[in-house]
Amino acid sequence: MAKKNVHVVPKGNQWAVKKEGNQRATSIHNRKQDAEKRGRQEAEKEGSELIIHKKDGTIQDKESHGNDPNPPRDRKP
């Protein structure tokens, strides 16, 4: 079974956690912070990547929660 990346995306005035390829959101939150927390849990469970989007839909950040064969050399502060 392929691992599905998890996205935190804007949905109107709320934030949705969606697994890649799914039509429906896994969960919907009023605060982005809450959606990121839930998305992180889902990505860890799946062993996949968490992709956090900005309000305009562009990618803000990515976090790998799987076994990355080429991990980044730099670390976030």
PDB file of N, CA and C in Angstrom:
ATOM      1  N   MET A   1       0.837  -1.176   0.000  1.00  0.00           N
ATOM      2  CA  MET A   1       0.000   0.000   0.000  1.00  0.00           C
ATOM      3  C   MET A   1       0.887   1.247   0.000  1.00  0.00           C
ATOM      4  N   ALA A   2       0.618   2.153  -0.901  1.00  0.00           N
ATOM      5  CA  ALA A   2       1.402   3.377  -1.015  1.00  0.00           C
ATOM      6  C   ALA A   2       1.074   4.322   0.134  1.00  0.00           C
ATOM      7  N   LYS A   3       2.108   5.017   0.599  1.00  0.00           N
ATOM      8  CA  LYS A   3       1.913   5.991   1.670  1.00  0.00           C
ATOM      9  C   LYS A   3       1.350   7.268   1.069  1.00  0.00           C
ATOM     10  N   LYS A   4       0.314   7.805   1.702  1.00  0.00           N
ATOM     11  CA  LYS A   4      -0.322   9.027   1.213  1.00  0.00           C
ATOM     12  C   LYS A   4       0.201  10.215   1.999  1.00  0.00           C
ATOM     13  N   ASN A   5       0.714  11.220   1.285  1.00  0.00           N
ATOM     14  CA  ASN A   5       1.126  12.446   1.949  1.00  0.00           C
ATOM     15  C   ASN A   5      -0.098  13.117   2.563  1.00  0.00           C
ATOM     16  N   VAL A   6       0.129  13.850   3.639  1.00  0.00           N
ATOM     17  CA  VAL A   6      -0.940  14.539   4.347  1.00  0.00           C
ATOM     18  C   VAL A   6      -0.770  16.037   4.123  1.00  0.00           C
ATOM     19  N   HIS A   7      -1.856  16.699   3.735  1.00  0.00           N
ATOM     20  CA  HIS A   7      -1.832  18.132   3.457  1.00  0.00           C
ATOM     21  C   HIS A   7      -2.701  18.886   4.453  1.00  0.00           C
ATOM     22  N   VAL A   8      -2.218  20.048   4.891  1.00  0.00           N
ATOM     23  CA  VAL A   8      -3.026  20.992   5.675  1.00  0.00           C
ATOM     24  C   VAL A   8      -3.332  22.125   4.713  1.00  0.00           C
ATOM     25  N   VAL A   9      -4.618  22.275   4.361  1.00  0.00           N
ATOM     26  CA  VAL A   9      -5.014  23.232   3.328  1.00  0.00           C
ATOM     27  C   VAL A   9      -6.146  24.142   3.817  1.00  0.00           C
ATOM     28  N   PRO A  10      -6.206  25.374   3.267  1.00  0.00           N
ATOM     29  CA  PRO A  10      -7.314  26.258   3.644  1.00  0.00           C
ATOM     30  C   PRO A  10      -8.624  25.756   3.047  1.00  0.00           C
ATOM     31  N   LYS A  11      -9.698  25.916   3.805  1.00  0.00           N
ATOM     32  CA  LYS A  11     -11.039  25.543   3.332  1.00  0.00           C
ATOM     33  C   LYS A  11     -11.991  26.619   3.826  1.00  0.00           C
ATOM     34  N   GLY A  12     -12.206  27.626   3.004  1.00  0.00           N
ATOM     35  CA  GLY A  12     -12.998  28.773   3.424  1.00  0.00           C
ATOM     36  C   GLY A  12     -12.276  29.509   4.540  1.00  0.00           C
ATOM     37  N   ASN A  13     -12.936  29.688   5.666  1.00  0.00           N
ATOM     38  CA  ASN A  13     -12.315  30.319   6.828  1.00  0.00           C
ATOM     39  C   ASN A  13     -11.745  29.296   7.799  1.00  0.00           C
ATOM     40  N   GLN A  14     -11.674  28.052   7.382  1.00  0.00           N
ATOM     41  CA  GLN A  14     -11.189  26.978   8.236  1.00  0.00           C
ATOM     42  C   GLN A  14      -9.990  26.296   7.581  1.00  0.00           C
ATOM     43  N   TRP A  15      -9.478  25.265   8.253  1.00  0.00           N
ATOM     44  CA  TRP A  15      -8.334  24.499   7.744  1.00  0.00           C
ATOM     45  C   TRP A  15      -8.693  23.028   7.710  1.00  0.00           C
ATOM     46  N   ALA A  16      -8.336  22.372   6.616  1.00  0.00           N
ATOM     47  CA  ALA A  16      -8.646  20.954   6.442  1.00  0.00           C
ATOM     48  C   ALA A  16      -7.366  20.130   6.415  1.00  0.00           C
ATOM     49  N   VAL A  17      -7.460  18.925   6.952  1.00  0.00           N
ATOM     50  CA  VAL A  17      -6.395  17.933   6.859  1.00  0.00           C
ATOM     51  C   VAL A  17      -6.867  16.915   5.834  1.00  0.00           C
ATOM     52  N   LYS A  18      -6.098  16.775   4.744  1.00  0.00           N
ATOM     53  CA  LYS A  18      -6.487  15.850   3.677  1.00  0.00           C
ATOM     54  C   LYS A  18      -5.333  14.930   3.331  1.00  0.00           C
ATOM     55  N   LYS A  19      -5.654  13.672   3.109  1.00  0.00           N
ATOM     56  CA  LYS A  19      -4.656  12.737   2.603  1.00  0.00           C
ATOM     57  C   LYS A  19      -4.672  12.816   1.079  1.00  0.00           C
ATOM     58  N   GLU A  20      -3.505  12.759   0.500  1.00  0.00           N
ATOM     59  CA  GLU A  20      -3.348  12.880  -0.939  1.00  0.00           C
ATOM     60  C   GLU A  20      -4.216  11.856  -1.674  1.00  0.00           C
ATOM     61  N   GLY A  21      -4.964  12.326  -2.657  1.00  0.00           N
ATOM     62  CA  GLY A  21      -5.795  11.453  -3.465  1.00  0.00           C
ATOM     63  C   GLY A  21      -7.211  11.281  -2.942  1.00  0.00           C
ATOM     64  N   ASN A  22      -7.477  11.687  -1.704  1.00  0.00           N
ATOM     65  CA  ASN A  22      -8.822  11.565  -1.139  1.00  0.00           C
ATOM     66  C   ASN A  22      -9.666  12.785  -1.507  1.00  0.00           C
ATOM     67  N   GLN A  23     -10.954  12.565  -1.744  1.00  0.00           N
ATOM     68  CA  GLN A  23     -11.869  13.658  -2.039  1.00  0.00           C
ATOM     69  C   GLN A  23     -12.255  14.413  -0.771  1.00  0.00           C
ATOM     70  N   ARG A  24     -12.511  13.673   0.290  1.00  0.00           N
ATOM     71  CA  ARG A  24     -12.971  14.268   1.544  1.00  0.00           C
ATOM     72  C   ARG A  24     -11.798  14.552   2.478  1.00  0.00           C
ATOM     73  N   ALA A  25     -12.001  15.555   3.312  1.00  0.00           N
ATOM     74  CA  ALA A  25     -11.003  15.891   4.322  1.00  0.00           C
ATOM     75  C   ALA A  25     -11.059  14.876   5.463  1.00  0.00           C
ATOM     76  N   THR A  26      -9.921  14.585   6.044  1.00  0.00           N
ATOM     77  CA  THR A  26      -9.851  13.726   7.223  1.00  0.00           C
ATOM     78  C   THR A  26     -10.468  14.448   8.406  1.00  0.00           C
ATOM     79  N   SER A  27     -10.165  15.759   8.514  1.00  0.00           N
ATOM     80  CA  SER A  27     -10.739  16.568   9.585  1.00  0.00           C
ATOM     81  C   SER A  27     -10.712  18.038   9.180  1.00  0.00           C
ATOM     82  N   ILE A  28     -11.559  18.848   9.822  1.00  0.00           N
ATOM     83  CA  ILE A  28     -11.637  20.286   9.564  1.00  0.00           C
ATOM     84  C   ILE A  28     -11.506  21.007  10.907  1.00  0.00           C
ATOM     85  N   HIS A  29     -10.711  22.088  10.909  1.00  0.00           N
ATOM     86  CA  HIS A  29     -10.407  22.802  12.149  1.00  0.00           C
ATOM     87  C   HIS A  29     -10.587  24.303  11.959  1.00  0.00           C
ATOM     88  N   ASN A  30     -10.907  24.988  13.053  1.00  0.00           N
ATOM     89  CA  ASN A  30     -11.042  26.442  13.012  1.00  0.00           C
ATOM     90  C   ASN A  30      -9.688  27.135  13.014  1.00  0.00           C
ATOM     91  N   ARG A  31      -8.695  26.516  13.640  1.00  0.00           N
ATOM     92  CA  ARG A  31      -7.364  27.112  13.720  1.00  0.00           C
ATOM     93  C   ARG A  31      -6.351  26.280  12.949  1.00  0.00           C
ATOM     94  N   LYS A  32      -5.453  26.952  12.246  1.00  0.00           N
ATOM     95  CA  LYS A  32      -4.405  26.275  11.482  1.00  0.00           C
ATOM     96  C   LYS A  32      -3.523  25.439  12.402  1.00  0.00           C
ATOM     97  N   GLN A  33      -3.239  25.960  13.570  1.00  0.00           N
ATOM     98  CA  GLN A  33      -2.411  25.274  14.552  1.00  0.00           C
ATOM     99  C   GLN A  33      -2.991  23.896  14.902  1.00  0.00           C
ATOM    100  N   ASP A  34      -4.300  23.831  15.072  1.00  0.00           N
ATOM    101  CA  ASP A  34      -4.954  22.556  15.386  1.00  0.00           C
ATOM    102  C   ASP A  34      -4.884  21.593  14.209  1.00  0.00           C
ATOM    103  N   ALA A  35      -5.049  22.128  12.998  1.00  0.00           N
ATOM    104  CA  ALA A  35      -4.975  21.293  11.797  1.00  0.00           C
ATOM    105  C   ALA A  35      -3.563  20.740  11.620  1.00  0.00           C
ATOM    106  N   GLU A  36      -2.555  21.548  11.894  1.00  0.00           N
ATOM    107  CA  GLU A  36      -1.164  21.088  11.783  1.00  0.00           C
ATOM    108  C   GLU A  36      -0.896  19.957  12.776  1.00  0.00           C
ATOM    109  N   LYS A  37      -1.400  20.099  13.989  1.00  0.00           N
ATOM    110  CA  LYS A  37      -1.204  19.066  15.009  1.00  0.00           C
ATOM    111  C   LYS A  37      -1.828  17.746  14.568  1.00  0.00           C
ATOM    112  N   ARG A  38      -3.062  17.808  14.063  1.00  0.00           N
ATOM    113  CA  ARG A  38      -3.747  16.587  13.601  1.00  0.00           C
ATOM    114  C   ARG A  38      -3.057  16.016  12.362  1.00  0.00           C
ATOM    115  N   GLY A  39      -2.644  16.906  11.446  1.00  0.00           N
ATOM    116  CA  GLY A  39      -1.936  16.457  10.247  1.00  0.00           C
ATOM    117  C   GLY A  39      -0.631  15.760  10.585  1.00  0.00           C
ATOM    118  N   ARG A  40       0.078  16.285  11.582  1.00  0.00           N
ATOM    119  CA  ARG A  40       1.333  15.684  12.028  1.00  0.00           C
ATOM    120  C   ARG A  40       1.076  14.277  12.575  1.00  0.00           C
ATOM    121  N   GLN A  41       0.004  14.118  13.332  1.00  0.00           N
ATOM    122  CA  GLN A  41      -0.350  12.798  13.871  1.00  0.00           C
ATOM    123  C   GLN A  41      -0.629  11.816  12.729  1.00  0.00           C
ATOM    124  N   GLU A  42      -1.379  12.265  11.730  1.00  0.00           N
ATOM    125  CA  GLU A  42      -1.721  11.403  10.592  1.00  0.00           C
ATOM    126  C   GLU A  42      -0.470  11.031   9.784  1.00  0.00           C
ATOM    127  N   ALA A  43       0.423  12.007   9.567  1.00  0.00           N
ATOM    128  CA  ALA A  43       1.643  11.747   8.805  1.00  0.00           C
ATOM    129  C   ALA A  43       2.557  10.767   9.542  1.00  0.00           C
ATOM    130  N   GLU A  44       2.642  10.901  10.863  1.00  0.00           N
ATOM    131  CA  GLU A  44       3.445   9.974  11.655  1.00  0.00           C
ATOM    132  C   GLU A  44       2.866   8.568  11.581  1.00  0.00           C
ATOM    133  N   LYS A  45       1.541   8.476  11.653  1.00  0.00           N
ATOM    134  CA  LYS A  45       0.865   7.179  11.585  1.00  0.00           C
ATOM    135  C   LYS A  45       1.093   6.525  10.217  1.00  0.00           C
ATOM    136  N   GLU A  46       1.028   7.322   9.152  1.00  0.00           N
ATOM    137  CA  GLU A  46       1.206   6.819   7.791  1.00  0.00           C
ATOM    138  C   GLU A  46       2.680   6.601   7.451  1.00  0.00           C
ATOM    139  N   GLY A  47       3.581   7.287   8.184  1.00  0.00           N
ATOM    140  CA  GLY A  47       4.999   7.251   7.826  1.00  0.00           C
ATOM    141  C   GLY A  47       5.227   8.014   6.534  1.00  0.00           C
ATOM    142  N   SER A  48       4.518   9.130   6.381  1.00  0.00           N
ATOM    143  CA  SER A  48       4.582   9.891   5.135  1.00  0.00           C
ATOM    144  C   SER A  48       4.998  11.328   5.402  1.00  0.00           C
ATOM    145  N   GLU A  49       4.780  12.189   4.432  1.00  0.00           N
ATOM    146  CA  GLU A  49       5.179  13.584   4.534  1.00  0.00           C
ATOM    147  C   GLU A  49       3.979  14.472   4.856  1.00  0.00           C
ATOM    148  N   LEU A  50       4.204  15.466   5.710  1.00  0.00           N
ATOM    149  CA  LEU A  50       3.196  16.474   6.023  1.00  0.00           C
ATOM    150  C   LEU A  50       3.525  17.709   5.207  1.00  0.00           C
ATOM    151  N   ILE A  51       2.552  18.194   4.440  1.00  0.00           N
ATOM    152  CA  ILE A  51       2.733  19.380   3.608  1.00  0.00           C
ATOM    153  C   ILE A  51       1.756  20.440   4.100  1.00  0.00           C
ATOM    154  N   ILE A  52       2.309  21.537   4.601  1.00  0.00           N
ATOM    155  CA  ILE A  52       1.501  22.617   5.164  1.00  0.00           C
ATOM    156  C   ILE A  52       1.409  23.744   4.152  1.00  0.00           C
ATOM    157  N   HIS A  53       0.185  24.160   3.843  1.00  0.00           N
ATOM    158  CA  HIS A  53      -0.049  25.210   2.864  1.00  0.00           C
ATOM    159  C   HIS A  53      -0.363  26.536   3.553  1.00  0.00           C
ATOM    160  N   LYS A  54      -0.132  27.629   2.826  1.00  0.00           N
ATOM    161  CA  LYS A  54      -0.507  28.962   3.296  1.00  0.00           C
ATOM    162  C   LYS A  54      -1.964  29.208   2.938  1.00  0.00           C
ATOM    163  N   LYS A  55      -2.504  30.331   3.387  1.00  0.00           N
ATOM    164  CA  LYS A  55      -3.895  30.697   3.110  1.00  0.00           C
ATOM    165  C   LYS A  55      -4.145  30.807   1.602  1.00  0.00           C
ATOM    166  N   ASP A  56      -3.113  31.214   0.825  1.00  0.00           N
ATOM    167  CA  ASP A  56      -3.281  31.349  -0.624  1.00  0.00           C
ATOM    168  C   ASP A  56      -3.096  30.021  -1.372  1.00  0.00           C
ATOM    169  N   GLY A  57      -2.824  28.940  -0.634  1.00  0.00           N
ATOM    170  CA  GLY A  57      -2.711  27.617  -1.246  1.00  0.00           C
ATOM    171  C   GLY A  57      -1.290  27.193  -1.588  1.00  0.00           C
ATOM    172  N   THR A  58      -0.335  28.116  -1.546  1.00  0.00           N
ATOM    173  CA  THR A  58       1.051  27.751  -1.827  1.00  0.00           C
ATOM    174  C   THR A  58       1.637  26.984  -0.642  1.00  0.00           C
ATOM    175  N   ILE A  59       2.708  26.250  -0.890  1.00  0.00           N
ATOM    176  CA  ILE A  59       3.321  25.440   0.157  1.00  0.00           C
ATOM    177  C   ILE A  59       4.151  26.314   1.087  1.00  0.00           C
ATOM    178  N   GLN A  60       3.894  26.172   2.372  1.00  0.00           N
ATOM    179  CA  GLN A  60       4.625  26.906   3.398  1.00  0.00           C
ATOM    180  C   GLN A  60       5.780  26.084   3.951  1.00  0.00           C
ATOM    181  N   ASP A  61       5.514  24.780   4.209  1.00  0.00           N
ATOM    182  CA  ASP A  61       6.513  23.945   4.872  1.00  0.00           C
ATOM    183  C   ASP A  61       6.233  22.476   4.575  1.00  0.00           C
ATOM    184  N   LYS A  62       7.276  21.648   4.711  1.00  0.00           N
ATOM    185  CA  LYS A  62       7.146  20.199   4.559  1.00  0.00           C
ATOM    186  C   LYS A  62       7.880  19.535   5.708  1.00  0.00           C
ATOM    187  N   GLU A  63       7.312  18.445   6.199  1.00  0.00           N
ATOM    188  CA  GLU A  63       7.938  17.655   7.255  1.00  0.00           C
ATOM    189  C   GLU A  63       7.861  16.186   6.860  1.00  0.00           C
ATOM    190  N   SER A  64       8.994  15.511   6.881  1.00  0.00           N
ATOM    191  CA  SER A  64       9.022  14.097   6.548  1.00  0.00           C
ATOM    192  C   SER A  64       8.899  13.273   7.822  1.00  0.00           C
ATOM    193  N   HIS A  65       7.940  12.347   7.832  1.00  0.00           N
ATOM    194  CA  HIS A  65       7.737  11.477   8.986  1.00  0.00           C
ATOM    195  C   HIS A  65       7.943  10.019   8.620  1.00  0.00           C
ATOM    196  N   GLY A  66       8.559   9.789   7.475  1.00  0.00           N
ATOM    197  CA  GLY A  66       8.817   8.423   7.041  1.00  0.00           C
ATOM    198  C   GLY A  66      10.291   8.114   7.114  1.00  0.00           C
ATOM    199  N   ASN A  67      10.688   7.049   6.499  1.00  0.00           N
ATOM    200  CA  ASN A  67      12.079   6.653   6.442  1.00  0.00           C
ATOM    201  C   ASN A  67      12.682   7.269   5.189  1.00  0.00           C
ATOM    202  N   ASP A  68      13.151   8.491   5.294  1.00  0.00           N
ATOM    203  CA  ASP A  68      13.675   9.237   4.160  1.00  0.00           C
ATOM    204  C   ASP A  68      15.095   8.776   3.848  1.00  0.00           C
ATOM    205  N   PRO A  69      15.338   8.191   2.646  1.00  0.00           N
ATOM    206  CA  PRO A  69      16.682   7.725   2.313  1.00  0.00           C
ATOM    207  C   PRO A  69      17.663   8.878   2.077  1.00  0.00           C
ATOM    208  N   ASN A  70      17.166  10.081   1.816  1.00  0.00           N
ATOM    209  CA  ASN A  70      18.018  11.260   1.593  1.00  0.00           C
ATOM    210  C   ASN A  70      17.558  12.406   2.483  1.00  0.00           C
ATOM    211  N   PRO A  71      17.785  12.321   3.783  1.00  0.00           N
ATOM    212  CA  PRO A  71      17.313  13.380   4.671  1.00  0.00           C
ATOM    213  C   PRO A  71      18.048  14.690   4.407  1.00  0.00           C
ATOM    214  N   PRO A  72      17.406  15.828   4.667  1.00  0.00           N
ATOM    215  CA  PRO A  72      18.075  17.112   4.457  1.00  0.00           C
ATOM    216  C   PRO A  72      19.228  17.287   5.431  1.00  0.00           C
ATOM    217  N   ARG A  73      20.282  17.958   4.979  1.00  0.00           N
ATOM    218  CA  ARG A  73      21.441  18.175   5.836  1.00  0.00           C
ATOM    219  C   ARG A  73      21.219  19.313   6.812  1.00  0.00           C
ATOM    220  N   ASP A  74      20.460  20.325   6.374  1.00  0.00           N
ATOM    221  CA  ASP A  74      20.206  21.456   7.268  1.00  0.00           C
ATOM    222  C   ASP A  74      19.006  21.144   8.157  1.00  0.00           C
ATOM    223  N   ARG A  75      19.019  21.715   9.320  1.00  0.00           N
ATOM    224  CA  ARG A  75      17.943  21.504  10.281  1.00  0.00           C
ATOM    225  C   ARG A  75      17.238  22.823  10.534  1.00  0.00           C
ATOM    226  N   LYS A  76      15.963  22.741  10.815  1.00  0.00           N
ATOM    227  CA  LYS A  76      15.196  23.933  11.149  1.00  0.00           C
ATOM    228  C   LYS A  76      15.594  24.402  12.543  1.00  0.00           C
ATOM    229  N   PRO A  77      15.605  25.703  12.743  1.00  0.00           N
ATOM    230  CA  PRO A  77      15.973  26.210  14.078  1.00  0.00           C
ATOM    231  C   PRO A  77      14.924  25.884  15.104  1.00  0.00           C
TER     232      PRO A  77
END
